[in-house]
Amino acid sequence: MNFKPGFGQITEAMVYQLARADEDAPFYLERTVWVDPTTGAACKKSAPNAEATTYHRPVNLTPKICLVYMALLAGRHSQTGQSRQSLQRIHEVTGIERRTIQYAIRFLVNKRLVYKEHVEGRGNVYTL
């Protein structure tokens, strides 16, 4: 990661925003599970008579979310504040699983620390 001044520079205000993100309203991640109504056990989606059950799992600020935020900050352009890092690149730099990175980005977008925009043919652009 590149933490040189002027390139992805991290300010005290950004760190303070991240620290305060967990104090606001909780963030819930939606999960869908398929359940067999006769036994009540989890089953595959393709099983006969499978019913979808959706529940919300609370997500709190974790060190992994902080690391994803730092990776996005390190890869951003200093003048526009945009980061074009892919999930694969963040995975290579941090060693965090891709699914966890996706959850972390959802958390950061929900807390308005990162703005996510999809550019056709170019992937996602994250503005910090």
Foldseek 3Di string as FASTA:
>chain_A
DAQDPQALDDDPVLVVLLVCLQVDDWDWDKDKFWAQVVVRDTDDPPDPNTDIDIDTDTDGDDVVLVLLVSVQSNQAHRPQQKHLDDLVRSCVVPVDDSVVSVVSVVSCVVSVSWPWDQDPPRGIIIHD
